[in-house]
């Protein structure tokens, strides 16, 4: 799963495409609220599985929507990056997120 996520992130173009993807996901799920939160919090590094992970303990962008997470959503999450949209490079949602 982490390898698939890494590949998806590397395929994203620079710019706002990631935000559009998250908003589209919320819309597909019939959410009525979408919120983004930027955190500049720095996290500790003493309990990481590997030292290389320490550079990822900084700021983060969180996205929230009020849609209900379903069993189908969980199944889709377990198959992330395997969707047929992955082949369509101009489609919102093409990364299977």
N, C-alpha and C. Protein backbone atom coordinates (compact mmCIF):
# COMPACT_ATOMS: atom_id res chain seq x y z
N UNK A 1 0.82 -1.19 0.00
CA UNK A 1 0.00 0.00 0.00
C UNK A 1 0.87 1.26 0.00
N UNK A 2 1.91 1.28 0.83
CA UNK A 2 2.76 2.47 0.88
C UNK A 2 3.50 2.68 -0.43
N UNK A 3 3.89 1.61 -1.09
CA UNK A 3 4.56 1.73 -2.39
C UNK A 3 3.59 2.30 -3.43
N UNK A 4 2.34 1.84 -3.41
CA UNK A 4 1.34 2.38 -4.34
C UNK A 4 1.09 3.85 -4.08
N UNK A 5 1.00 4.24 -2.80
CA UNK A 5 0.80 5.65 -2.46
C UNK A 5 1.98 6.50 -2.94
N UNK A 6 3.19 6.00 -2.73
CA UNK A 6 4.39 6.71 -3.19
C UNK A 6 4.34 6.92 -4.70
N UNK A 7 3.97 5.89 -5.44
CA UNK A 7 3.89 6.01 -6.90
C UNK A 7 2.83 7.02 -7.32
N UNK A 8 1.71 7.03 -6.63
CA UNK A 8 0.64 7.98 -6.95
C UNK A 8 1.12 9.41 -6.72
N UNK A 9 1.75 9.65 -5.57
CA UNK A 9 2.24 10.99 -5.24
C UNK A 9 3.26 11.45 -6.28
N UNK A 10 4.13 10.57 -6.71
CA UNK A 10 5.14 10.93 -7.71
C UNK A 10 4.52 11.25 -9.07
N UNK A 11 3.35 10.68 -9.37
CA UNK A 11 2.69 10.92 -10.66
C UNK A 11 1.94 12.24 -10.70
N UNK A 12 1.60 12.79 -9.54
CA UNK A 12 0.84 14.04 -9.51
C UNK A 12 1.64 15.18 -10.12
N UNK A 13 1.00 15.99 -10.94
CA UNK A 13 1.67 17.19 -11.45
C UNK A 13 1.76 18.24 -10.35
N UNK A 14 2.66 19.18 -10.49
CA UNK A 14 2.73 20.28 -9.53
C UNK A 14 1.49 21.15 -9.69
N UNK A 15 1.12 21.84 -8.63
CA UNK A 15 -0.04 22.72 -8.70
C UNK A 15 -1.14 22.26 -7.78
N UNK A 16 -2.36 22.58 -8.14
CA UNK A 16 -3.51 22.35 -7.26
C UNK A 16 -4.27 21.07 -7.58
N UNK A 17 -3.75 20.21 -8.42
CA UNK A 17 -4.46 18.99 -8.81
C UNK A 17 -4.84 18.13 -7.60
N UNK A 18 -3.97 18.06 -6.60
CA UNK A 18 -4.26 17.25 -5.42
C UNK A 18 -5.49 17.77 -4.68
N UNK A 19 -5.61 19.09 -4.57
CA UNK A 19 -6.77 19.67 -3.90
C UNK A 19 -8.04 19.39 -4.68
N UNK A 20 -7.97 19.50 -5.99
CA UNK A 20 -9.13 19.19 -6.83
C UNK A 20 -9.56 17.74 -6.65
N UNK A 21 -8.59 16.86 -6.53
CA UNK A 21 -8.87 15.43 -6.33
C UNK A 21 -9.63 15.20 -5.01
N UNK A 22 -9.18 15.85 -3.95
CA UNK A 22 -9.83 15.68 -2.65
C UNK A 22 -11.24 16.28 -2.64
N UNK A 23 -11.41 17.41 -3.31
CA UNK A 23 -12.74 18.03 -3.41
C UNK A 23 -13.67 17.14 -4.23
N UNK A 24 -13.16 16.58 -5.32
CA UNK A 24 -13.96 15.68 -6.15
C UNK A 24 -14.37 14.44 -5.37
N UNK A 25 -13.46 13.90 -4.56
CA UNK A 25 -13.79 12.74 -3.73
C UNK A 25 -14.94 13.07 -2.77
N UNK A 26 -14.87 14.23 -2.16
CA UNK A 26 -15.93 14.66 -1.24
C UNK A 26 -17.25 14.81 -1.97
N UNK A 27 -17.21 15.39 -3.16
CA UNK A 27 -18.42 15.55 -3.96
C UNK A 27 -19.00 14.19 -4.35
N UNK A 28 -18.14 13.27 -4.77
CA UNK A 28 -18.60 11.92 -5.12
C UNK A 28 -19.26 11.23 -3.95
N UNK A 29 -18.79 11.51 -2.73
CA UNK A 29 -19.33 10.89 -1.52
C UNK A 29 -20.55 11.65 -0.98
N UNK A 30 -20.98 12.67 -1.69
CA UNK A 30 -22.15 13.49 -1.29
C UNK A 30 -21.91 14.27 -0.01
N UNK A 31 -20.69 14.69 0.21
CA UNK A 31 -20.37 15.51 1.39
C UNK A 31 -20.97 16.90 1.22
N UNK A 32 -21.36 17.51 2.33
CA UNK A 32 -21.86 18.89 2.28
C UNK A 32 -20.82 19.87 2.81
N UNK A 33 -19.73 19.34 3.40
CA UNK A 33 -18.67 20.16 3.96
C UNK A 33 -17.32 19.58 3.56
N UNK A 34 -16.42 20.44 3.12
CA UNK A 34 -15.02 20.07 2.87
C UNK A 34 -14.17 21.13 3.53
N UNK A 35 -13.21 20.70 4.36
CA UNK A 35 -12.33 21.64 5.05
C UNK A 35 -10.88 21.21 4.87
N UNK A 36 -10.01 22.19 4.73
CA UNK A 36 -8.57 21.95 4.66
C UNK A 36 -7.93 22.66 5.85
N UNK A 37 -6.99 21.98 6.49
CA UNK A 37 -6.26 22.54 7.63
C UNK A 37 -4.77 22.35 7.37
N UNK A 38 -4.01 23.43 7.52
CA UNK A 38 -2.56 23.36 7.39
C UNK A 38 -1.97 23.32 8.79
N UNK A 39 -1.15 22.32 9.04
CA UNK A 39 -0.47 22.19 10.33
C UNK A 39 1.03 22.36 10.11
N UNK A 40 1.65 23.20 10.93
CA UNK A 40 3.09 23.40 10.87
C UNK A 40 3.79 22.68 12.02
N UNK A 41 3.05 21.83 12.72
CA UNK A 41 3.59 21.12 13.88
C UNK A 41 4.73 20.18 13.46
N UNK A 42 5.77 20.15 14.27
CA UNK A 42 6.89 19.23 14.07
C UNK A 42 6.73 18.07 15.05
N UNK A 43 6.87 16.86 14.58
CA UNK A 43 6.70 15.68 15.42
C UNK A 43 8.06 15.08 15.76
N UNK A 44 8.12 14.36 16.86
CA UNK A 44 9.35 13.71 17.29
C UNK A 44 9.79 12.61 16.34
N UNK A 45 11.03 12.22 16.45
CA UNK A 45 11.57 11.21 15.55
C UNK A 45 12.14 10.00 16.28
N UNK A 46 12.02 9.95 17.59
CA UNK A 46 12.66 8.87 18.35
C UNK A 46 11.98 7.52 18.19
N UNK A 47 10.72 7.47 17.77
CA UNK A 47 10.01 6.19 17.69
C UNK A 47 9.73 5.73 16.26
N UNK A 48 10.42 6.29 15.29
CA UNK A 48 10.19 5.94 13.89
C UNK A 48 10.78 4.57 13.54
N UNK A 49 10.21 3.93 12.54
CA UNK A 49 10.73 2.64 12.09
C UNK A 49 12.09 2.77 11.41
N UNK A 50 12.34 3.93 10.83
CA UNK A 50 13.62 4.15 10.17
C UNK A 50 13.97 5.63 10.18
N UNK A 51 15.25 5.94 10.20
CA UNK A 51 15.70 7.33 10.27
C UNK A 51 15.27 8.15 9.06
N UNK A 52 15.15 7.52 7.89
CA UNK A 52 14.74 8.23 6.68
C UNK A 52 13.34 8.84 6.82
N UNK A 53 12.55 8.31 7.73
CA UNK A 53 11.20 8.83 7.94
C UNK A 53 11.19 10.17 8.66
N UNK A 54 12.32 10.56 9.25
CA UNK A 54 12.36 11.78 10.05
C UNK A 54 12.06 13.03 9.23
N UNK A 55 12.41 13.05 7.96
CA UNK A 55 12.13 14.23 7.13
C UNK A 55 10.64 14.42 6.85
N UNK A 56 9.83 13.42 7.14
CA UNK A 56 8.38 13.49 6.91
C UNK A 56 7.61 13.82 8.18
N UNK A 57 8.28 14.26 9.22
CA UNK A 57 7.63 14.53 10.50
C UNK A 57 7.30 16.00 10.70
N UNK A 58 7.29 16.77 9.64
CA UNK A 58 7.02 18.20 9.71
C UNK A 58 5.57 18.52 9.43
N UNK A 59 5.35 19.61 8.75
CA UNK A 59 4.01 20.11 8.47
C UNK A 59 3.17 19.15 7.64
N UNK A 60 1.86 19.41 7.65
CA UNK A 60 0.93 18.53 6.93
C UNK A 60 -0.29 19.33 6.48
N UNK A 61 -0.92 18.83 5.45
CA UNK A 61 -2.21 19.35 4.99
C UNK A 61 -3.25 18.28 5.28
N UNK A 62 -4.25 18.63 6.07
CA UNK A 62 -5.33 17.71 6.39
C UNK A 62 -6.57 18.10 5.60
N UNK A 63 -7.32 17.11 5.18
CA UNK A 63 -8.57 17.35 4.46
C UNK A 63 -9.68 16.58 5.17
N UNK A 64 -10.78 17.26 5.42
CA UNK A 64 -11.93 16.65 6.10
C UNK A 64 -13.17 16.87 5.24
N UNK A 65 -14.02 15.85 5.18
CA UNK A 65 -15.37 16.05 4.64
C UNK A 65 -16.34 15.28 5.53
N UNK A 66 -17.61 15.66 5.48
CA UNK A 66 -18.59 15.09 6.40
C UNK A 66 -19.35 13.89 5.84
N UNK A 67 -18.85 13.29 4.79
CA UNK A 67 -19.49 12.10 4.24
C UNK A 67 -19.22 10.90 5.15
N UNK A 68 -20.12 9.94 5.12
CA UNK A 68 -19.97 8.72 5.91
C UNK A 68 -19.05 7.75 5.17
N UNK A 69 -18.07 7.22 5.89
CA UNK A 69 -17.13 6.25 5.32
C UNK A 69 -17.80 4.88 5.33
N UNK A 70 -17.97 4.28 4.16
CA UNK A 70 -18.70 3.03 4.04
C UNK A 70 -17.76 1.83 3.88
N UNK A 71 -18.34 0.64 3.95
CA UNK A 71 -17.56 -0.58 3.72
C UNK A 71 -16.98 -0.57 2.31
N UNK A 72 -17.73 -0.05 1.36
CA UNK A 72 -17.23 0.04 -0.02
C UNK A 72 -16.04 1.01 -0.10
N UNK A 73 -16.11 2.11 0.64
CA UNK A 73 -14.98 3.05 0.69
C UNK A 73 -13.73 2.36 1.22
N UNK A 74 -13.90 1.54 2.26
CA UNK A 74 -12.76 0.83 2.83
C UNK A 74 -12.17 -0.13 1.80
N UNK A 75 -13.03 -0.83 1.07
CA UNK A 75 -12.56 -1.74 0.02
C UNK A 75 -11.80 -0.98 -1.05
N UNK A 76 -12.34 0.16 -1.48
CA UNK A 76 -11.68 0.98 -2.49
C UNK A 76 -10.33 1.48 -1.99
N UNK A 77 -10.25 1.86 -0.72
CA UNK A 77 -9.00 2.32 -0.14
C UNK A 77 -7.94 1.22 -0.17
N UNK A 78 -8.38 -0.01 0.08
CA UNK A 78 -7.43 -1.13 0.06
C UNK A 78 -6.92 -1.42 -1.35
N UNK A 79 -7.61 -0.91 -2.36
CA UNK A 79 -7.21 -1.12 -3.75
C UNK A 79 -6.72 0.18 -4.39
N UNK A 80 -6.27 1.11 -3.57
CA UNK A 80 -5.85 2.43 -4.04
C UNK A 80 -4.80 2.32 -5.15
N UNK A 81 -4.96 3.14 -6.15
CA UNK A 81 -4.00 3.16 -7.26
C UNK A 81 -4.24 2.09 -8.29
N UNK A 82 -5.28 1.29 -8.13
CA UNK A 82 -5.56 0.22 -9.08
C UNK A 82 -6.80 0.51 -9.91
N UNK A 83 -7.37 1.68 -9.74
CA UNK A 83 -8.60 2.03 -10.45
C UNK A 83 -8.35 2.21 -11.95
N UNK A 84 -9.39 2.01 -12.74
CA UNK A 84 -9.25 2.17 -14.19
C UNK A 84 -8.97 3.61 -14.58
N UNK A 85 -9.35 4.57 -13.72
CA UNK A 85 -9.09 5.98 -14.02
C UNK A 85 -7.59 6.30 -14.04
N UNK A 86 -6.78 5.43 -13.45
CA UNK A 86 -5.34 5.67 -13.39
C UNK A 86 -4.75 5.82 -14.78
N UNK A 87 -5.37 5.18 -15.76
CA UNK A 87 -4.89 5.24 -17.14
C UNK A 87 -5.24 6.55 -17.83
N UNK A 88 -6.26 7.26 -17.33
CA UNK A 88 -6.76 8.48 -17.96
C UNK A 88 -6.13 9.69 -17.32
N UNK A 89 -5.07 10.21 -17.90
CA UNK A 89 -4.26 11.24 -17.26
C UNK A 89 -4.94 12.59 -17.12
N UNK A 90 -6.07 12.83 -17.78
CA UNK A 90 -6.74 14.12 -17.64
C UNK A 90 -8.01 14.03 -16.80
N UNK A 91 -8.28 12.89 -16.21
CA UNK A 91 -9.50 12.70 -15.44
C UNK A 91 -9.29 13.04 -13.98
N UNK A 92 -10.18 13.87 -13.40
CA UNK A 92 -10.16 14.07 -11.96
C UNK A 92 -10.51 12.74 -11.32
N UNK A 93 -9.73 12.35 -10.33
CA UNK A 93 -9.94 11.06 -9.70
C UNK A 93 -9.10 9.96 -10.31
N UNK A 94 -8.26 10.31 -11.26
CA UNK A 94 -7.50 9.30 -12.00
C UNK A 94 -6.49 8.56 -11.15
N UNK A 95 -6.13 9.08 -9.99
CA UNK A 95 -5.14 8.43 -9.15
C UNK A 95 -5.76 7.41 -8.22
N UNK A 96 -7.06 7.25 -8.30
CA UNK A 96 -7.72 6.22 -7.49
C UNK A 96 -7.80 6.57 -6.03
N UNK A 97 -7.71 7.86 -5.70
CA UNK A 97 -7.78 8.27 -4.29
C UNK A 97 -9.22 8.52 -3.89
